[in-house]
Amino acid sequence: MNTSLRASAHVSHKGWYSIEWNTIQQYVTKLRQRIYRAEQQNQRRRVRKLQRLLLRSKANLLLSIRRVTQQNTGKRTPGVD
């Protein structure tokens, strides 16, 4: 199964509050670890492919939006200043 489909399968059409955040977080964390390991092994092509996968990943997008809107508490405006 395609990894991007696997991560986006946990996002239902019901809405924001039905997203399984732990599963999404684990997927993105493992992908970042794969990038790190490939970089340590000097596998440049694999690093580029994994980075492209991370950038186009719906799971990474969802985590970014969540970080800016919900986890950025104590600030006057949501967003990265």
PDB file of N, CA and C in Angstrom:
ATOM      1  N   MET A   1       0.835  -1.183   0.000  1.00  0.00           N
ATOM      2  CA  MET A   1       0.000   0.000   0.000  1.00  0.00           C
ATOM      3  C   MET A   1       0.876   1.241   0.000  1.00  0.00           C
ATOM      4  N   ASN A   2       0.460   2.228  -0.709  1.00  0.00           N
ATOM      5  CA  ASN A   2       1.181   3.483  -0.781  1.00  0.00           C
ATOM      6  C   ASN A   2       1.213   4.138   0.599  1.00  0.00           C
ATOM      7  N   THR A   3       2.376   4.654   0.996  1.00  0.00           N
ATOM      8  CA  THR A   3       2.505   5.205   2.345  1.00  0.00           C
ATOM      9  C   THR A   3       1.667   6.454   2.533  1.00  0.00           C
ATOM     10  N   SER A   4       1.521   7.267   1.504  1.00  0.00           N
ATOM     11  CA  SER A   4       0.697   8.462   1.658  1.00  0.00           C
ATOM     12  C   SER A   4      -0.775   8.088   1.798  1.00  0.00           C
ATOM     13  N   LEU A   5      -1.192   7.022   1.128  1.00  0.00           N
ATOM     14  CA  LEU A   5      -2.569   6.557   1.292  1.00  0.00           C
ATOM     15  C   LEU A   5      -2.788   5.981   2.680  1.00  0.00           C
ATOM     16  N   ARG A   6      -1.770   5.314   3.202  1.00  0.00           N
ATOM     17  CA  ARG A   6      -1.887   4.726   4.531  1.00  0.00           C
ATOM     18  C   ARG A   6      -2.076   5.813   5.590  1.00  0.00           C
ATOM     19  N   ALA A   7      -1.327   6.898   5.484  1.00  0.00           N
ATOM     20  CA  ALA A   7      -1.446   7.974   6.465  1.00  0.00           C
ATOM     21  C   ALA A   7      -2.742   8.746   6.290  1.00  0.00           C
ATOM     22  N   SER A   8      -3.148   8.950   5.051  1.00  0.00           N
ATOM     23  CA  SER A   8      -4.372   9.713   4.830  1.00  0.00           C
ATOM     24  C   SER A   8      -5.618   8.874   5.068  1.00  0.00           C
ATOM     25  N   ALA A   9      -5.463   7.554   5.187  1.00  0.00           N
ATOM     26  CA  ALA A   9      -6.615   6.702   5.469  1.00  0.00           C
ATOM     27  C   ALA A   9      -7.155   6.942   6.869  1.00  0.00           C
ATOM     28  N   HIS A  10      -6.330   7.506   7.744  1.00  0.00           N
ATOM     29  CA  HIS A  10      -6.757   7.776   9.107  1.00  0.00           C
ATOM     30  C   HIS A  10      -7.483   9.108   9.222  1.00  0.00           C
ATOM     31  N   VAL A  11      -7.622   9.802   8.112  1.00  0.00           N
ATOM     32  CA  VAL A  11      -8.351  11.061   8.095  1.00  0.00           C
ATOM     33  C   VAL A  11      -9.687  10.791   7.434  1.00  0.00           C
ATOM     34  N   SER A  12     -10.720  10.791   8.231  1.00  0.00           N
ATOM     35  CA  SER A  12     -12.035  10.507   7.675  1.00  0.00           C
ATOM     36  C   SER A  12     -12.653  11.781   7.117  1.00  0.00           C
ATOM     37  N   HIS A  13     -13.782  11.622   6.484  1.00  0.00           N
ATOM     38  CA  HIS A  13     -14.475  12.765   5.909  1.00  0.00           C
ATOM     39  C   HIS A  13     -15.366  13.452   6.930  1.00  0.00           C
ATOM     40  N   LYS A  14     -15.386  12.956   8.175  1.00  0.00           N
ATOM     41  CA  LYS A  14     -16.249  13.524   9.193  1.00  0.00           C
ATOM     42  C   LYS A  14     -15.737  14.850   9.713  1.00  0.00           C
ATOM     43  N   GLY A  15     -14.435  15.049   9.688  1.00  0.00           N
ATOM     44  CA  GLY A  15     -13.948  16.342  10.103  1.00  0.00           C
ATOM     45  C   GLY A  15     -12.651  16.298  10.885  1.00  0.00           C
ATOM     46  N   TRP A  16     -12.293  17.452  11.348  1.00  0.00           N
ATOM     47  CA  TRP A  16     -11.023  17.693  12.016  1.00  0.00           C
ATOM     48  C   TRP A  16     -10.889  16.878  13.305  1.00  0.00           C
ATOM     49  N   TYR A  17     -11.956  16.760  14.059  1.00  0.00           N
ATOM     50  CA  TYR A  17     -11.875  16.137  15.379  1.00  0.00           C
ATOM     51  C   TYR A  17     -11.878  14.609  15.334  1.00  0.00           C
ATOM     52  N   SER A  18     -12.087  14.028  14.180  1.00  0.00           N
ATOM     53  CA  SER A  18     -12.057  12.573  14.071  1.00  0.00           C
ATOM     54  C   SER A  18     -10.702  12.055  13.589  1.00  0.00           C
ATOM     55  N   ILE A  19      -9.734  12.930  13.431  1.00  0.00           N
ATOM     56  CA  ILE A  19      -8.409  12.530  12.958  1.00  0.00           C
ATOM     57  C   ILE A  19      -7.665  11.819  14.085  1.00  0.00           C
ATOM     58  N   GLU A  20      -7.031  10.697  13.756  1.00  0.00           N
ATOM     59  CA  GLU A  20      -6.223   9.956  14.716  1.00  0.00           C
ATOM     60  C   GLU A  20      -4.822  10.571  14.736  1.00  0.00           C
ATOM     61  N   TRP A  21      -4.621  11.529  15.640  1.00  0.00           N
ATOM     62  CA  TRP A  21      -3.393  12.311  15.654  1.00  0.00           C
ATOM     63  C   TRP A  21      -2.169  11.480  16.003  1.00  0.00           C
ATOM     64  N   ASN A  22      -2.313  10.486  16.870  1.00  0.00           N
ATOM     65  CA  ASN A  22      -1.160   9.655  17.231  1.00  0.00           C
ATOM     66  C   ASN A  22      -0.645   8.884  16.032  1.00  0.00           C
ATOM     67  N   THR A  23      -1.537   8.360  15.220  1.00  0.00           N
ATOM     68  CA  THR A  23      -1.135   7.612  14.031  1.00  0.00           C
ATOM     69  C   THR A  23      -0.448   8.526  13.022  1.00  0.00           C
ATOM     70  N   ILE A  24      -1.003   9.714  12.838  1.00  0.00           N
ATOM     71  CA  ILE A  24      -0.413  10.681  11.911  1.00  0.00           C
ATOM     72  C   ILE A  24       0.977  11.092  12.397  1.00  0.00           C
ATOM     73  N   GLN A  25       1.104  11.347  13.693  1.00  0.00           N
ATOM     74  CA  GLN A  25       2.383  11.750  14.266  1.00  0.00           C
ATOM     75  C   GLN A  25       3.427  10.645  14.115  1.00  0.00           C
ATOM     76  N   GLN A  26       3.035   9.410  14.346  1.00  0.00           N
ATOM     77  CA  GLN A  26       3.966   8.284  14.198  1.00  0.00           C
ATOM     78  C   GLN A  26       4.445   8.156  12.757  1.00  0.00           C
ATOM     79  N   TYR A  27       3.539   8.328  11.804  1.00  0.00           N
ATOM     80  CA  TYR A  27       3.911   8.222  10.393  1.00  0.00           C
ATOM     81  C   TYR A  27       4.946   9.276  10.021  1.00  0.00           C
ATOM     82  N   VAL A  28       4.700  10.520  10.427  1.00  0.00           N
ATOM     83  CA  VAL A  28       5.620  11.610  10.079  1.00  0.00           C
ATOM     84  C   VAL A  28       6.957  11.427  10.797  1.00  0.00           C
ATOM     85  N   THR A  29       6.922  10.997  12.044  1.00  0.00           N
ATOM     86  CA  THR A  29       8.159  10.775  12.796  1.00  0.00           C
ATOM     87  C   THR A  29       8.996   9.684  12.148  1.00  0.00           C
ATOM     88  N   LYS A  30       8.373   8.593  11.751  1.00  0.00           N
ATOM     89  CA  LYS A  30       9.117   7.505  11.102  1.00  0.00           C
ATOM     90  C   LYS A  30       9.697   7.944   9.766  1.00  0.00           C
ATOM     91  N   LEU A  31       8.957   8.763   9.047  1.00  0.00           N
ATOM     92  CA  LEU A  31       9.459   9.269   7.773  1.00  0.00           C
ATOM     93  C   LEU A  31      10.669  10.174   7.997  1.00  0.00           C
ATOM     94  N   ARG A  32      10.629  11.007   9.024  1.00  0.00           N
ATOM     95  CA  ARG A  32      11.781  11.858   9.351  1.00  0.00           C
ATOM     96  C   ARG A  32      12.982  11.014   9.766  1.00  0.00           C
ATOM     97  N   GLN A  33      12.745   9.944  10.496  1.00  0.00           N
ATOM     98  CA  GLN A  33      13.836   9.048  10.889  1.00  0.00           C
ATOM     99  C   GLN A  33      14.448   8.363   9.674  1.00  0.00           C
ATOM    100  N   ARG A  34      13.605   7.990   8.713  1.00  0.00           N
ATOM    101  CA  ARG A  34      14.122   7.375   7.488  1.00  0.00           C
ATOM    102  C   ARG A  34      15.003   8.352   6.722  1.00  0.00           C
ATOM    103  N   ILE A  35      14.613   9.624   6.698  1.00  0.00           N
ATOM    104  CA  ILE A  35      15.419  10.650   6.036  1.00  0.00           C
ATOM    105  C   ILE A  35      16.763  10.789   6.738  1.00  0.00           C
ATOM    106  N   TYR A  36      16.734  10.806   8.062  1.00  0.00           N
ATOM    107  CA  TYR A  36      17.973  10.942   8.831  1.00  0.00           C
ATOM    108  C   TYR A  36      18.906   9.760   8.578  1.00  0.00           C
ATOM    109  N   ARG A  37      18.365   8.544   8.616  1.00  0.00           N
ATOM    110  CA  ARG A  37      19.202   7.358   8.392  1.00  0.00           C
ATOM    111  C   ARG A  37      19.784   7.336   6.984  1.00  0.00           C
ATOM    112  N   ALA A  38      18.989   7.732   6.004  1.00  0.00           N
ATOM    113  CA  ALA A  38      19.490   7.760   4.624  1.00  0.00           C
ATOM    114  C   ALA A  38      20.592   8.803   4.480  1.00  0.00           C
ATOM    115  N   GLU A  39      20.461   9.929   5.170  1.00  0.00           N
ATOM    116  CA  GLU A  39      21.495  10.964   5.131  1.00  0.00           C
ATOM    117  C   GLU A  39      22.781  10.458   5.782  1.00  0.00           C
ATOM    118  N   GLN A  40      22.661   9.736   6.888  1.00  0.00           N
ATOM    119  CA  GLN A  40      23.839   9.191   7.563  1.00  0.00           C
ATOM    120  C   GLN A  40      24.569   8.169   6.697  1.00  0.00           C
ATOM    121  N   GLN A  41      23.840   7.481   5.839  1.00  0.00           N
ATOM    122  CA  GLN A  41      24.424   6.464   4.963  1.00  0.00           C
ATOM    123  C   GLN A  41      24.804   7.031   3.590  1.00  0.00           C
ATOM    124  N   ASN A  42      24.724   8.347   3.451  1.00  0.00           N
ATOM    125  CA  ASN A  42      25.077   9.049   2.207  1.00  0.00           C
ATOM    126  C   ASN A  42      24.283   8.543   1.007  1.00  0.00           C
ATOM    127  N   GLN A  43      23.031   8.258   1.197  1.00  0.00           N
ATOM    128  CA  GLN A  43      22.148   7.833   0.112  1.00  0.00           C
ATOM    129  C   GLN A  43      21.357   9.053  -0.373  1.00  0.00           C
ATOM    130  N   ARG A  44      21.999   9.837  -1.203  1.00  0.00           N
ATOM    131  CA  ARG A  44      21.443  11.126  -1.622  1.00  0.00           C
ATOM    132  C   ARG A  44      20.111  10.980  -2.361  1.00  0.00           C
ATOM    133  N   ARG A  45      20.032  10.006  -3.247  1.00  0.00           N
ATOM    134  CA  ARG A  45      18.806   9.836  -4.023  1.00  0.00           C
ATOM    135  C   ARG A  45      17.633   9.471  -3.119  1.00  0.00           C
ATOM    136  N   ARG A  46      17.880   8.585  -2.164  1.00  0.00           N
ATOM    137  CA  ARG A  46      16.828   8.192  -1.230  1.00  0.00           C
ATOM    138  C   ARG A  46      16.409   9.368  -0.353  1.00  0.00           C
ATOM    139  N   VAL A  47      17.373  10.184   0.055  1.00  0.00           N
ATOM    140  CA  VAL A  47      17.056  11.376   0.860  1.00  0.00           C
ATOM    141  C   VAL A  47      16.132  12.295   0.082  1.00  0.00           C
ATOM    142  N   ARG A  48      16.456  12.548  -1.171  1.00  0.00           N
ATOM    143  CA  ARG A  48      15.620  13.432  -1.990  1.00  0.00           C
ATOM    144  C   ARG A  48      14.218  12.876  -2.168  1.00  0.00           C
ATOM    145  N   LYS A  49      14.121  11.568  -2.417  1.00  0.00           N
ATOM    146  CA  LYS A  49      12.802  10.960  -2.606  1.00  0.00           C
ATOM    147  C   LYS A  49      11.979  11.004  -1.329  1.00  0.00           C
ATOM    148  N   LEU A  50      12.613  10.735  -0.200  1.00  0.00           N
ATOM    149  CA  LEU A  50      11.891  10.769   1.066  1.00  0.00           C
ATOM    150  C   LEU A  50      11.480  12.192   1.442  1.00  0.00           C
ATOM    151  N   GLN A  51      12.334  13.163   1.154  1.00  0.00           N
ATOM    152  CA  GLN A  51      11.978  14.553   1.425  1.00  0.00           C
ATOM    153  C   GLN A  51      10.800  14.985   0.561  1.00  0.00           C
ATOM    154  N   ARG A  52      10.793  14.550  -0.692  1.00  0.00           N
ATOM    155  CA  ARG A  52       9.675  14.871  -1.577  1.00  0.00           C
ATOM    156  C   ARG A  52       8.388  14.237  -1.050  1.00  0.00           C
ATOM    157  N   LEU A  53       8.501  12.994  -0.574  1.00  0.00           N
ATOM    158  CA  LEU A  53       7.351  12.303  -0.006  1.00  0.00           C
ATOM    159  C   LEU A  53       6.829  13.037   1.225  1.00  0.00           C
ATOM    160  N   LEU A  54       7.730  13.516   2.065  1.00  0.00           N
ATOM    161  CA  LEU A  54       7.331  14.246   3.265  1.00  0.00           C
ATOM    162  C   LEU A  54       6.665  15.569   2.903  1.00  0.00           C
ATOM    163  N   LEU A  55       7.206  16.274   1.945  1.00  0.00           N
ATOM    164  CA  LEU A  55       6.638  17.566   1.563  1.00  0.00           C
ATOM    165  C   LEU A  55       5.254  17.431   0.950  1.00  0.00           C
ATOM    166  N   ARG A  56       5.016  16.359   0.226  1.00  0.00           N
ATOM    167  CA  ARG A  56       3.721  16.164  -0.435  1.00  0.00           C
ATOM    168  C   ARG A  56       2.743  15.362   0.414  1.00  0.00           C
ATOM    169  N   SER A  57       3.151  15.005   1.612  1.00  0.00           N
ATOM    170  CA  SER A  57       2.337  14.168   2.476  1.00  0.00           C
ATOM    171  C   SER A  57       1.194  14.969   3.107  1.00  0.00           C
ATOM    172  N   LYS A  58       0.011  14.410   3.061  1.00  0.00           N
ATOM    173  CA  LYS A  58      -1.135  15.044   3.701  1.00  0.00           C
ATOM    174  C   LYS A  58      -0.995  15.010   5.212  1.00  0.00           C
ATOM    175  N   ALA A  59      -0.356  13.961   5.724  1.00  0.00           N
ATOM    176  CA  ALA A  59      -0.150  13.844   7.167  1.00  0.00           C
ATOM    177  C   ALA A  59       0.733  14.975   7.676  1.00  0.00           C
ATOM    178  N   ASN A  60       1.794  15.292   6.965  1.00  0.00           N
ATOM    179  CA  ASN A  60       2.677  16.386   7.360  1.00  0.00           C
ATOM    180  C   ASN A  60       1.942  17.724   7.299  1.00  0.00           C
ATOM    181  N   LEU A  61       1.110  17.910   6.296  1.00  0.00           N
ATOM    182  CA  LEU A  61       0.326  19.134   6.181  1.00  0.00           C
ATOM    183  C   LEU A  61      -0.620  19.289   7.359  1.00  0.00           C
ATOM    184  N   LEU A  62      -1.296  18.205   7.713  1.00  0.00           N
ATOM    185  CA  LEU A  62      -2.227  18.256   8.842  1.00  0.00           C
ATOM    186  C   LEU A  62      -1.509  18.578  10.143  1.00  0.00           C
ATOM    187  N   LEU A  63      -0.350  17.968  10.366  1.00  0.00           N
ATOM    188  CA  LEU A  63       0.396  18.257  11.589  1.00  0.00           C
ATOM    189  C   LEU A  63       0.884  19.699  11.622  1.00  0.00           C
ATOM    190  N   SER A  64       1.262  20.236  10.480  1.00  0.00           N
ATOM    191  CA  SER A  64       1.704  21.631  10.416  1.00  0.00           C
ATOM    192  C   SER A  64       0.562  22.577  10.747  1.00  0.00           C
ATOM    193  N   ILE A  65      -0.596  22.310  10.182  1.00  0.00           N
ATOM    194  CA  ILE A  65      -1.761  23.159  10.452  1.00  0.00           C
ATOM    195  C   ILE A  65      -2.145  23.074  11.917  1.00  0.00           C
ATOM    196  N   ARG A  66      -2.103  21.868  12.472  1.00  0.00           N
ATOM    197  CA  ARG A  66      -2.454  21.689  13.882  1.00  0.00           C
ATOM    198  C   ARG A  66      -1.476  22.421  14.790  1.00  0.00           C
ATOM    199  N   ARG A  67      -0.192  22.369  14.450  1.00  0.00           N
ATOM    200  CA  ARG A  67       0.813  23.037  15.265  1.00  0.00           C
ATOM    201  C   ARG A  67       0.588  24.549  15.280  1.00  0.00           C
ATOM    202  N   VAL A  68       0.253  25.107  14.138  1.00  0.00           N
ATOM    203  CA  VAL A  68       0.071  26.546  14.038  1.00  0.00           C
ATOM    204  C   VAL A  68      -1.226  26.994  14.696  1.00  0.00           C
ATOM    205  N   THR A  69      -2.292  26.227  14.542  1.00  0.00           N
ATOM    206  CA  THR A  69      -3.596  26.691  15.013  1.00  0.00           C
ATOM    207  C   THR A  69      -3.921  26.276  16.439  1.00  0.00           C
ATOM    208  N   GLN A  70      -3.555  25.068  16.851  1.00  0.00           N
ATOM    209  CA  GLN A  70      -3.984  24.585  18.155  1.00  0.00           C
ATOM    210  C   GLN A  70      -2.864  24.531  19.183  1.00  0.00           C
ATOM    211  N   GLN A  71      -1.695  24.142  18.796  1.00  0.00           N
ATOM    212  CA  GLN A  71      -0.629  23.946  19.764  1.00  0.00           C
ATOM    213  C   GLN A  71       0.174  25.211  20.011  1.00  0.00           C
ATOM    214  N   ASN A  72      -0.096  26.254  19.300  1.00  0.00           N
ATOM    215  CA  ASN A  72       0.609  27.513  19.464  1.00  0.00           C
ATOM    216  C   ASN A  72      -0.137  28.365  20.487  1.00  0.00           C
ATOM    217  N   THR A  73      -0.317  27.839  21.688  1.00  0.00           N
ATOM    218  CA  THR A  73      -1.077  28.546  22.712  1.00  0.00           C
ATOM    219  C   THR A  73      -0.208  29.602  23.382  1.00  0.00           C
ATOM    220  N   GLY A  74      -0.849  30.602  23.926  1.00  0.00           N
ATOM    221  CA  GLY A  74      -0.146  31.659  24.606  1.00  0.00           C
ATOM    222  C   GLY A  74       0.320  32.774  23.698  1.00  0.00           C
ATOM    223  N   LYS A  75       0.035  32.685  22.447  1.00  0.00           N
ATOM    224  CA  LYS A  75       0.421  33.731  21.505  1.00  0.00           C
ATOM    225  C   LYS A  75      -0.794  34.595  21.186  1.00  0.00           C
ATOM    226  N   ARG A  76      -0.569  35.765  20.722  1.00  0.00           N
ATOM    227  CA  ARG A  76      -1.679  36.645  20.368  1.00  0.00           C
ATOM    228  C   ARG A  76      -2.332  36.238  19.061  1.00  0.00           C
ATOM    229  N   THR A  77      -1.523  35.822  18.115  1.00  0.00           N
ATOM    230  CA  THR A  77      -2.059  35.410  16.822  1.00  0.00           C
ATOM    231  C   THR A  77      -1.568  34.012  16.509  1.00  0.00           C
ATOM    232  N   PRO A  78      -2.395  33.168  15.914  1.00  0.00           N
ATOM    233  CA  PRO A  78      -1.920  31.855  15.504  1.00  0.00           C
ATOM    234  C   PRO A  78      -0.981  31.991  14.318  1.00  0.00           C
ATOM    235  N   GLY A  79       0.060  31.246  14.337  1.00  0.00           N
ATOM    236  CA  GLY A  79       1.000  31.283  13.230  1.00  0.00           C
ATOM    237  C   GLY A  79       2.421  31.394  13.732  1.00  0.00           C
ATOM    238  N   VAL A  80       3.342  31.200  12.844  1.00  0.00           N
ATOM    239  CA  VAL A  80       4.745  31.304  13.185  1.00  0.00           C
ATOM    240  C   VAL A  80       5.178  32.722  12.916  1.00  0.00           C
ATOM    241  N   ASP A  81       5.694  33.380  13.935  1.00  0.00           N
ATOM    242  CA  ASP A  81       6.099  34.789  13.795  1.00  0.00           C
ATOM    243  C   ASP A  81       7.535  34.904  13.357  1.00  0.00           C
TER     244      ASP A  81
END
